[in-house]
Amino acid sequence: MASEAPSKATPSDFLKGVIGRPVVVKLNSGVDFRGVLACLDGFMNIAMEQTEEYVNGQLKAKHGDAFIRGNNVLYISTQKKR
């Protein structure tokens, strides 16, 4: 019986899987935006809902809807449950 090779998830697969879920978007400047990922494009431009801005771990502002230009994004991760 031949064993199947494990499927490899790509970053694109990860991003498609987290649309509509809470995420943390870390910018090159060190600022975090936390909210629900609404959509993104091939340039990593991001639209978020229920967005909160954190600087040095401290809540600085609540933005509701936010649009982030992709060249400012350091990484996107799933948000931990609080």
PDB file of N, CA and C in Angstrom:
ATOM      1  N   MET A   1       0.838  -1.163   0.000  1.00  0.00           N
ATOM      2  CA  MET A   1       0.000   0.000   0.000  1.00  0.00           C
ATOM      3  C   MET A   1       0.892   1.237   0.000  1.00  0.00           C
ATOM      4  N   ALA A   2       0.702   2.103  -0.953  1.00  0.00           N
ATOM      5  CA  ALA A   2       1.515   3.318  -1.041  1.00  0.00           C
ATOM      6  C   ALA A   2       0.989   4.359  -0.060  1.00  0.00           C
ATOM      7  N   SER A   3       1.904   4.977   0.654  1.00  0.00           N
ATOM      8  CA  SER A   3       1.470   6.034   1.574  1.00  0.00           C
ATOM      9  C   SER A   3       1.375   7.350   0.807  1.00  0.00           C
ATOM     10  N   GLU A   4       0.378   8.127   1.184  1.00  0.00           N
ATOM     11  CA  GLU A   4       0.196   9.420   0.520  1.00  0.00           C
ATOM     12  C   GLU A   4       1.147  10.438   1.126  1.00  0.00           C
ATOM     13  N   ALA A   5       1.676  11.272   0.273  1.00  0.00           N
ATOM     14  CA  ALA A   5       2.543  12.342   0.762  1.00  0.00           C
ATOM     15  C   ALA A   5       1.675  13.370   1.488  1.00  0.00           C
ATOM     16  N   PRO A   6       2.160  13.887   2.609  1.00  0.00           N
ATOM     17  CA  PRO A   6       1.365  14.899   3.319  1.00  0.00           C
ATOM     18  C   PRO A   6       1.209  16.139   2.435  1.00  0.00           C
ATOM     19  N   SER A   7       0.001  16.694   2.449  1.00  0.00           N
ATOM     20  CA  SER A   7      -0.231  17.891   1.642  1.00  0.00           C
ATOM     21  C   SER A   7       0.457  19.074   2.312  1.00  0.00           C
ATOM     22  N   LYS A   8       1.014  19.924   1.495  1.00  0.00           N
ATOM     23  CA  LYS A   8       1.726  21.085   2.019  1.00  0.00           C
ATOM     24  C   LYS A   8       0.830  22.304   1.883  1.00  0.00           C
ATOM     25  N   ALA A   9       0.576  22.955   2.995  1.00  0.00           N
ATOM     26  CA  ALA A   9      -0.228  24.175   2.983  1.00  0.00           C
ATOM     27  C   ALA A   9       0.671  25.340   2.591  1.00  0.00           C
ATOM     28  N   THR A  10       0.165  26.192   1.749  1.00  0.00           N
ATOM     29  CA  THR A  10       0.915  27.365   1.315  1.00  0.00           C
ATOM     30  C   THR A  10       0.426  28.591   2.084  1.00  0.00           C
ATOM     31  N   PRO A  11       1.192  29.683   2.070  1.00  0.00           N
ATOM     32  CA  PRO A  11       0.704  30.915   2.696  1.00  0.00           C
ATOM     33  C   PRO A  11      -0.644  31.360   2.119  1.00  0.00           C
ATOM     34  N   SER A  12      -0.826  31.143   0.833  1.00  0.00           N
ATOM     35  CA  SER A  12      -2.100  31.499   0.202  1.00  0.00           C
ATOM     36  C   SER A  12      -3.248  30.687   0.798  1.00  0.00           C
ATOM     37  N   ASP A  13      -3.009  29.414   1.051  1.00  0.00           N
ATOM     38  CA  ASP A  13      -4.027  28.564   1.679  1.00  0.00           C
ATOM     39  C   ASP A  13      -4.373  29.074   3.076  1.00  0.00           C
ATOM     40  N   PHE A  14      -3.347  29.465   3.829  1.00  0.00           N
ATOM     41  CA  PHE A  14      -3.563  30.010   5.169  1.00  0.00           C
ATOM     42  C   PHE A  14      -4.433  31.260   5.098  1.00  0.00           C
ATOM     43  N   LEU A  15      -4.088  32.184   4.195  1.00  0.00           N
ATOM     44  CA  LEU A  15      -4.823  33.443   4.106  1.00  0.00           C
ATOM     45  C   LEU A  15      -6.271  33.237   3.680  1.00  0.00           C
ATOM     46  N   LYS A  16      -6.493  32.310   2.750  1.00  0.00           N
ATOM     47  CA  LYS A  16      -7.871  32.005   2.340  1.00  0.00           C
ATOM     48  C   LYS A  16      -8.659  31.431   3.510  1.00  0.00           C
ATOM     49  N   GLY A  17      -7.986  30.686   4.369  1.00  0.00           N
ATOM     50  CA  GLY A  17      -8.648  30.054   5.506  1.00  0.00           C
ATOM     51  C   GLY A  17      -8.971  30.976   6.653  1.00  0.00           C
ATOM     52  N   VAL A  18      -8.323  32.132   6.732  1.00  0.00           N
ATOM     53  CA  VAL A  18      -8.574  33.035   7.858  1.00  0.00           C
ATOM     54  C   VAL A  18      -9.478  34.218   7.498  1.00  0.00           C
ATOM     55  N   ILE A  19      -9.924  34.298   6.259  1.00  0.00           N
ATOM     56  CA  ILE A  19     -10.867  35.365   5.899  1.00  0.00           C
ATOM     57  C   ILE A  19     -12.143  35.158   6.715  1.00  0.00           C
ATOM     58  N   GLY A  20     -12.587  36.238   7.342  1.00  0.00           N
ATOM     59  CA  GLY A  20     -13.768  36.173   8.199  1.00  0.00           C
ATOM     60  C   GLY A  20     -13.465  35.809   9.634  1.00  0.00           C
ATOM     61  N   ARG A  21     -12.177  35.609   9.954  1.00  0.00           N
ATOM     62  CA  ARG A  21     -11.777  35.237  11.312  1.00  0.00           C
ATOM     63  C   ARG A  21     -10.920  36.330  11.936  1.00  0.00           C
ATOM     64  N   PRO A  22     -10.816  36.353  13.266  1.00  0.00           N
ATOM     65  CA  PRO A  22      -9.961  37.348  13.934  1.00  0.00           C
ATOM     66  C   PRO A  22      -8.484  37.111  13.620  1.00  0.00           C
ATOM     67  N   VAL A  23      -7.773  38.194  13.289  1.00  0.00           N
ATOM     68  CA  VAL A  23      -6.345  38.123  12.983  1.00  0.00           C
ATOM     69  C   VAL A  23      -5.606  39.281  13.638  1.00  0.00           C
ATOM     70  N   VAL A  24      -4.299  39.142  13.698  1.00  0.00           N
ATOM     71  CA  VAL A  24      -3.395  40.224  14.093  1.00  0.00           C
ATOM     72  C   VAL A  24      -2.547  40.552  12.870  1.00  0.00           C
ATOM     73  N   VAL A  25      -2.527  41.824  12.494  1.00  0.00           N
ATOM     74  CA  VAL A  25      -1.685  42.283  11.390  1.00  0.00           C
ATOM     75  C   VAL A  25      -0.604  43.166  12.001  1.00  0.00           C
ATOM     76  N   LYS A  26       0.639  42.725  11.882  1.00  0.00           N
ATOM     77  CA  LYS A  26       1.778  43.474  12.428  1.00  0.00           C
ATOM     78  C   LYS A  26       2.386  44.284  11.291  1.00  0.00           C
ATOM     79  N   LEU A  27       2.568  45.583  11.520  1.00  0.00           N
ATOM     80  CA  LEU A  27       3.162  46.451  10.512  1.00  0.00           C
ATOM     81  C   LEU A  27       4.667  46.562  10.715  1.00  0.00           C
ATOM     82  N   ASN A  28       5.354  46.996   9.678  1.00  0.00           N
ATOM     83  CA  ASN A  28       6.807  47.201   9.753  1.00  0.00           C
ATOM     84  C   ASN A  28       7.175  48.182  10.864  1.00  0.00           C
ATOM     85  N   SER A  29       6.276  49.107  11.190  1.00  0.00           N
ATOM     86  CA  SER A  29       6.530  50.108  12.231  1.00  0.00           C
ATOM     87  C   SER A  29       6.409  49.531  13.638  1.00  0.00           C
ATOM     88  N   GLY A  30       5.899  48.296  13.762  1.00  0.00           N
ATOM     89  CA  GLY A  30       5.731  47.678  15.072  1.00  0.00           C
ATOM     90  C   GLY A  30       4.309  47.773  15.599  1.00  0.00           C
ATOM     91  N   VAL A  31       3.441  48.519  14.929  1.00  0.00           N
ATOM     92  CA  VAL A  31       2.050  48.669  15.348  1.00  0.00           C
ATOM     93  C   VAL A  31       1.273  47.406  14.972  1.00  0.00           C
ATOM     94  N   ASP A  32       0.381  46.972  15.865  1.00  0.00           N
ATOM     95  CA  ASP A  32      -0.493  45.824  15.608  1.00  0.00           C
ATOM     96  C   ASP A  32      -1.906  46.321  15.340  1.00  0.00           C
ATOM     97  N   PHE A  33      -2.561  45.706  14.363  1.00  0.00           N
ATOM     98  CA  PHE A  33      -3.985  45.914  14.153  1.00  0.00           C
ATOM     99  C   PHE A  33      -4.651  44.572  14.374  1.00  0.00           C
ATOM    100  N   ARG A  34      -5.672  44.558  15.221  1.00  0.00           N
ATOM    101  CA  ARG A  34      -6.391  43.320  15.527  1.00  0.00           C
ATOM    102  C   ARG A  34      -7.838  43.502  15.124  1.00  0.00           C
ATOM    103  N   GLY A  35      -8.360  42.532  14.411  1.00  0.00           N
ATOM    104  CA  GLY A  35      -9.746  42.594  13.975  1.00  0.00           C
ATOM    105  C   GLY A  35     -10.069  41.414  13.085  1.00  0.00           C
ATOM    106  N   VAL A  36     -11.202  41.517  12.403  1.00  0.00           N
ATOM    107  CA  VAL A  36     -11.667  40.443  11.536  1.00  0.00           C
ATOM    108  C   VAL A  36     -11.200  40.722  10.108  1.00  0.00           C
ATOM    109  N   LEU A  37     -10.503  39.766   9.517  1.00  0.00           N
ATOM    110  CA  LEU A  37     -10.012  39.913   8.148  1.00  0.00           C
ATOM    111  C   LEU A  37     -11.191  39.826   7.187  1.00  0.00           C
ATOM    112  N   ALA A  38     -11.470  40.932   6.486  1.00  0.00           N
ATOM    113  CA  ALA A  38     -12.587  40.960   5.537  1.00  0.00           C
ATOM    114  C   ALA A  38     -12.136  40.441   4.174  1.00  0.00           C
ATOM    115  N   CYS A  39     -11.019  40.953   3.673  1.00  0.00           N
ATOM    116  CA  CYS A  39     -10.488  40.480   2.392  1.00  0.00           C
ATOM    117  C   CYS A  39      -9.067  40.992   2.216  1.00  0.00           C
ATOM    118  N   LEU A  40      -8.389  40.424   1.227  1.00  0.00           N
ATOM    119  CA  LEU A  40      -7.061  40.883   0.861  1.00  0.00           C
ATOM    120  C   LEU A  40      -6.816  40.533  -0.591  1.00  0.00           C
ATOM    121  N   ASP A  41      -5.824  41.206  -1.191  1.00  0.00           N
ATOM    122  CA  ASP A  41      -5.522  40.957  -2.598  1.00  0.00           C
ATOM    123  C   ASP A  41      -4.106  40.412  -2.748  1.00  0.00           C
ATOM    124  N   GLY A  42      -3.666  40.255  -3.977  1.00  0.00           N
ATOM    125  CA  GLY A  42      -2.354  39.697  -4.260  1.00  0.00           C
ATOM    126  C   GLY A  42      -1.192  40.566  -3.809  1.00  0.00           C
ATOM    127  N   PHE A  43      -1.446  41.843  -3.545  1.00  0.00           N
ATOM    128  CA  PHE A  43      -0.408  42.751  -3.056  1.00  0.00           C
ATOM    129  C   PHE A  43      -0.408  42.818  -1.533  1.00  0.00           C
ATOM    130  N   MET A  44      -1.232  41.978  -0.892  1.00  0.00           N
ATOM    131  CA  MET A  44      -1.389  41.933   0.557  1.00  0.00           C
ATOM    132  C   MET A  44      -2.030  43.205   1.106  1.00  0.00           C
ATOM    133  N   ASN A  45      -2.748  43.957   0.261  1.00  0.00           N
ATOM    134  CA  ASN A  45      -3.590  45.034   0.761  1.00  0.00           C
ATOM    135  C   ASN A  45      -4.723  44.370   1.532  1.00  0.00           C
ATOM    136  N   ILE A  46      -5.029  44.911   2.706  1.00  0.00           N
ATOM    137  CA  ILE A  46      -5.921  44.228   3.641  1.00  0.00           C
ATOM    138  C   ILE A  46      -7.100  45.120   4.000  1.00  0.00           C
ATOM    139  N   ALA A  47      -8.278  44.528   4.047  1.00  0.00           N
ATOM    140  CA  ALA A  47      -9.461  45.188   4.598  1.00  0.00           C
ATOM    141  C   ALA A  47      -9.843  44.420   5.863  1.00  0.00           C
ATOM    142  N   MET A  48     -10.051  45.167   6.952  1.00  0.00           N
ATOM    143  CA  MET A  48     -10.411  44.562   8.236  1.00  0.00           C
ATOM    144  C   MET A  48     -11.659  45.225   8.793  1.00  0.00           C
ATOM    145  N   GLU A  49     -12.366  44.499   9.634  1.00  0.00           N
ATOM    146  CA  GLU A  49     -13.538  45.007  10.338  1.00  0.00           C
ATOM    147  C   GLU A  49     -13.294  44.881  11.837  1.00  0.00           C
ATOM    148  N   GLN A  50     -14.012  45.691  12.626  1.00  0.00           N
ATOM    149  CA  GLN A  50     -13.901  45.665  14.093  1.00  0.00           C
ATOM    150  C   GLN A  50     -12.444  45.814  14.509  1.00  0.00           C
ATOM    151  N   THR A  51     -11.751  46.769  13.905  1.00  0.00           N
ATOM    152  CA  THR A  51     -10.298  46.889  14.032  1.00  0.00           C
ATOM    153  C   THR A  51      -9.893  47.714  15.243  1.00  0.00           C
ATOM    154  N   GLU A  52      -8.903  47.214  15.959  1.00  0.00           N
ATOM    155  CA  GLU A  52      -8.294  47.929  17.085  1.00  0.00           C
ATOM    156  C   GLU A  52      -6.812  48.090  16.806  1.00  0.00           C
ATOM    157  N   GLU A  53      -6.276  49.258  17.142  1.00  0.00           N
ATOM    158  CA  GLU A  53      -4.855  49.561  16.939  1.00  0.00           C
ATOM    159  C   GLU A  53      -4.127  49.490  18.270  1.00  0.00           C
ATOM    160  N   TYR A  54      -3.051  48.710  18.296  1.00  0.00           N
ATOM    161  CA  TYR A  54      -2.237  48.549  19.502  1.00  0.00           C
ATOM    162  C   TYR A  54      -0.814  49.024  19.237  1.00  0.00           C
ATOM    163  N   VAL A  55      -0.295  49.840  20.142  1.00  0.00           N
ATOM    164  CA  VAL A  55       1.092  50.298  20.085  1.00  0.00           C
ATOM    165  C   VAL A  55       1.752  49.865  21.388  1.00  0.00           C
ATOM    166  N   ASN A  56       2.827  49.110  21.275  1.00  0.00           N
ATOM    167  CA  ASN A  56       3.527  48.560  22.452  1.00  0.00           C
ATOM    168  C   ASN A  56       2.575  47.794  23.366  1.00  0.00           C
ATOM    169  N   GLY A  57       1.637  47.068  22.769  1.00  0.00           N
ATOM    170  CA  GLY A  57       0.714  46.250  23.538  1.00  0.00           C
ATOM    171  C   GLY A  57      -0.453  47.005  24.151  1.00  0.00           C
ATOM    172  N   GLN A  58      -0.485  48.325  23.997  1.00  0.00           N
ATOM    173  CA  GLN A  58      -1.545  49.146  24.575  1.00  0.00           C
ATOM    174  C   GLN A  58      -2.545  49.553  23.503  1.00  0.00           C
ATOM    175  N   LEU A  59      -3.844  49.413  23.801  1.00  0.00           N
ATOM    176  CA  LEU A  59      -4.889  49.831  22.877  1.00  0.00           C
ATOM    177  C   LEU A  59      -4.824  51.338  22.686  1.00  0.00           C
ATOM    178  N   LYS A  60      -4.670  51.783  21.430  1.00  0.00           N
ATOM    179  CA  LYS A  60      -4.577  53.221  21.141  1.00  0.00           C
ATOM    180  C   LYS A  60      -5.832  53.756  20.479  1.00  0.00           C
ATOM    181  N   ALA A  61      -6.507  52.935  19.650  1.00  0.00           N
ATOM    182  CA  ALA A  61      -7.689  53.424  18.939  1.00  0.00           C
ATOM    183  C   ALA A  61      -8.525  52.252  18.457  1.00  0.00           C
ATOM    184  N   LYS A  62      -9.825  52.517  18.290  1.00  0.00           N
ATOM    185  CA  LYS A  62     -10.733  51.558  17.656  1.00  0.00           C
ATOM    186  C   LYS A  62     -11.189  52.202  16.356  1.00  0.00           C
ATOM    187  N   HIS A  63     -10.973  51.499  15.251  1.00  0.00           N
ATOM    188  CA  HIS A  63     -11.230  52.072  13.938  1.00  0.00           C
ATOM    189  C   HIS A  63     -12.465  51.534  13.238  1.00  0.00           C
ATOM    190  N   GLY A  64     -13.038  50.457  13.686  1.00  0.00           N
ATOM    191  CA  GLY A  64     -14.131  49.845  12.931  1.00  0.00           C
ATOM    192  C   GLY A  64     -13.554  49.208  11.683  1.00  0.00           C
ATOM    193  N   ASP A  65     -13.865  49.777  10.511  1.00  0.00           N
ATOM    194  CA  ASP A  65     -13.294  49.272   9.260  1.00  0.00           C
ATOM    195  C   ASP A  65     -11.944  49.932   9.012  1.00  0.00           C
ATOM    196  N   ALA A  66     -10.986  49.150   8.524  1.00  0.00           N
ATOM    197  CA  ALA A  66      -9.647  49.687   8.248  1.00  0.00           C
ATOM    198  C   ALA A  66      -9.108  49.056   6.970  1.00  0.00           C
ATOM    199  N   PHE A  67      -8.335  49.836   6.242  1.00  0.00           N
ATOM    200  CA  PHE A  67      -7.659  49.365   5.036  1.00  0.00           C
ATOM    201  C   PHE A  67      -6.169  49.589   5.232  1.00  0.00           C
ATOM    202  N   ILE A  68      -5.387  48.542   5.014  1.00  0.00           N
ATOM    203  CA  ILE A  68      -3.942  48.601   5.243  1.00  0.00           C
ATOM    204  C   ILE A  68      -3.240  48.276   3.933  1.00  0.00           C
ATOM    205  N   ARG A  69      -2.334  49.158   3.542  1.00  0.00           N
ATOM    206  CA  ARG A  69      -1.573  48.931   2.313  1.00  0.00           C
ATOM    207  C   ARG A  69      -0.568  47.798   2.528  1.00  0.00           C
ATOM    208  N   GLY A  70      -0.492  46.903   1.571  1.00  0.00           N
ATOM    209  CA  GLY A  70       0.296  45.686   1.712  1.00  0.00           C
ATOM    210  C   GLY A  70       1.774  45.882   1.970  1.00  0.00           C
ATOM    211  N   ASN A  71       2.375  46.962   1.445  1.00  0.00           N
ATOM    212  CA  ASN A  71       3.817  47.114   1.638  1.00  0.00           C
ATOM    213  C   ASN A  71       4.173  47.492   3.075  1.00  0.00           C
ATOM    214  N   ASN A  72       3.175  47.784   3.909  1.00  0.00           N
ATOM    215  CA  ASN A  72       3.418  48.088   5.320  1.00  0.00           C
ATOM    216  C   ASN A  72       3.320  46.858   6.213  1.00  0.00           C
ATOM    217  N   VAL A  73       2.884  45.718   5.670  1.00  0.00           N
ATOM    218  CA  VAL A  73       2.589  44.528   6.470  1.00  0.00           C
ATOM    219  C   VAL A  73       3.847  43.690   6.684  1.00  0.00           C
ATOM    220  N   LEU A  74       4.147  43.416   7.944  1.00  0.00           N
ATOM    221  CA  LEU A  74       5.243  42.514   8.294  1.00  0.00           C
ATOM    222  C   LEU A  74       4.734  41.072   8.308  1.00  0.00           C
ATOM    223  N   TYR A  75       3.602  40.834   8.997  1.00  0.00           N
ATOM    224  CA  TYR A  75       2.993  39.504   8.993  1.00  0.00           C
ATOM    225  C   TYR A  75       1.522  39.565   9.378  1.00  0.00           C
ATOM    226  N   ILE A  76       0.828  38.472   9.100  1.00  0.00           N
ATOM    227  CA  ILE A  76      -0.562  38.278   9.510  1.00  0.00           C
ATOM    228  C   ILE A  76      -0.606  36.967  10.278  1.00  0.00           C
ATOM    229  N   SER A  77      -1.230  36.982  11.453  1.00  0.00           N
ATOM    230  CA  SER A  77      -1.374  35.739  12.212  1.00  0.00           C
ATOM    231  C   SER A  77      -2.796  35.648  12.752  1.00  0.00           C
ATOM    232  N   THR A  78      -3.185  34.423  13.107  1.00  0.00           N
ATOM    233  CA  THR A  78      -4.492  34.267  13.719  1.00  0.00           C
ATOM    234  C   THR A  78      -4.433  34.816  15.126  1.00  0.00           C
ATOM    235  N   GLN A  79      -5.537  35.395  15.548  1.00  0.00           N
ATOM    236  CA  GLN A  79      -5.589  36.012  16.868  1.00  0.00           C
ATOM    237  C   GLN A  79      -5.862  34.939  17.909  1.00  0.00           C
ATOM    238  N   LYS A  80      -5.136  34.998  19.007  1.00  0.00           N
ATOM    239  CA  LYS A  80      -5.340  34.033  20.098  1.00  0.00           C
ATOM    240  C   LYS A  80      -6.662  34.341  20.786  1.00  0.00           C
ATOM    241  N   LYS A  81      -7.299  33.287  21.267  1.00  0.00           N
ATOM    242  CA  LYS A  81      -8.541  33.469  22.042  1.00  0.00           C
ATOM    243  C   LYS A  81      -8.205  34.151  23.350  1.00  0.00           C
ATOM    244  N   ARG A  82      -9.077  35.090  23.739  1.00  0.00           N
ATOM    245  CA  ARG A  82      -8.838  35.805  25.010  1.00  0.00           C
ATOM    246  C   ARG A  82      -9.681  35.243  26.116  1.00  0.00           C
TER     247      ARG A  82
END
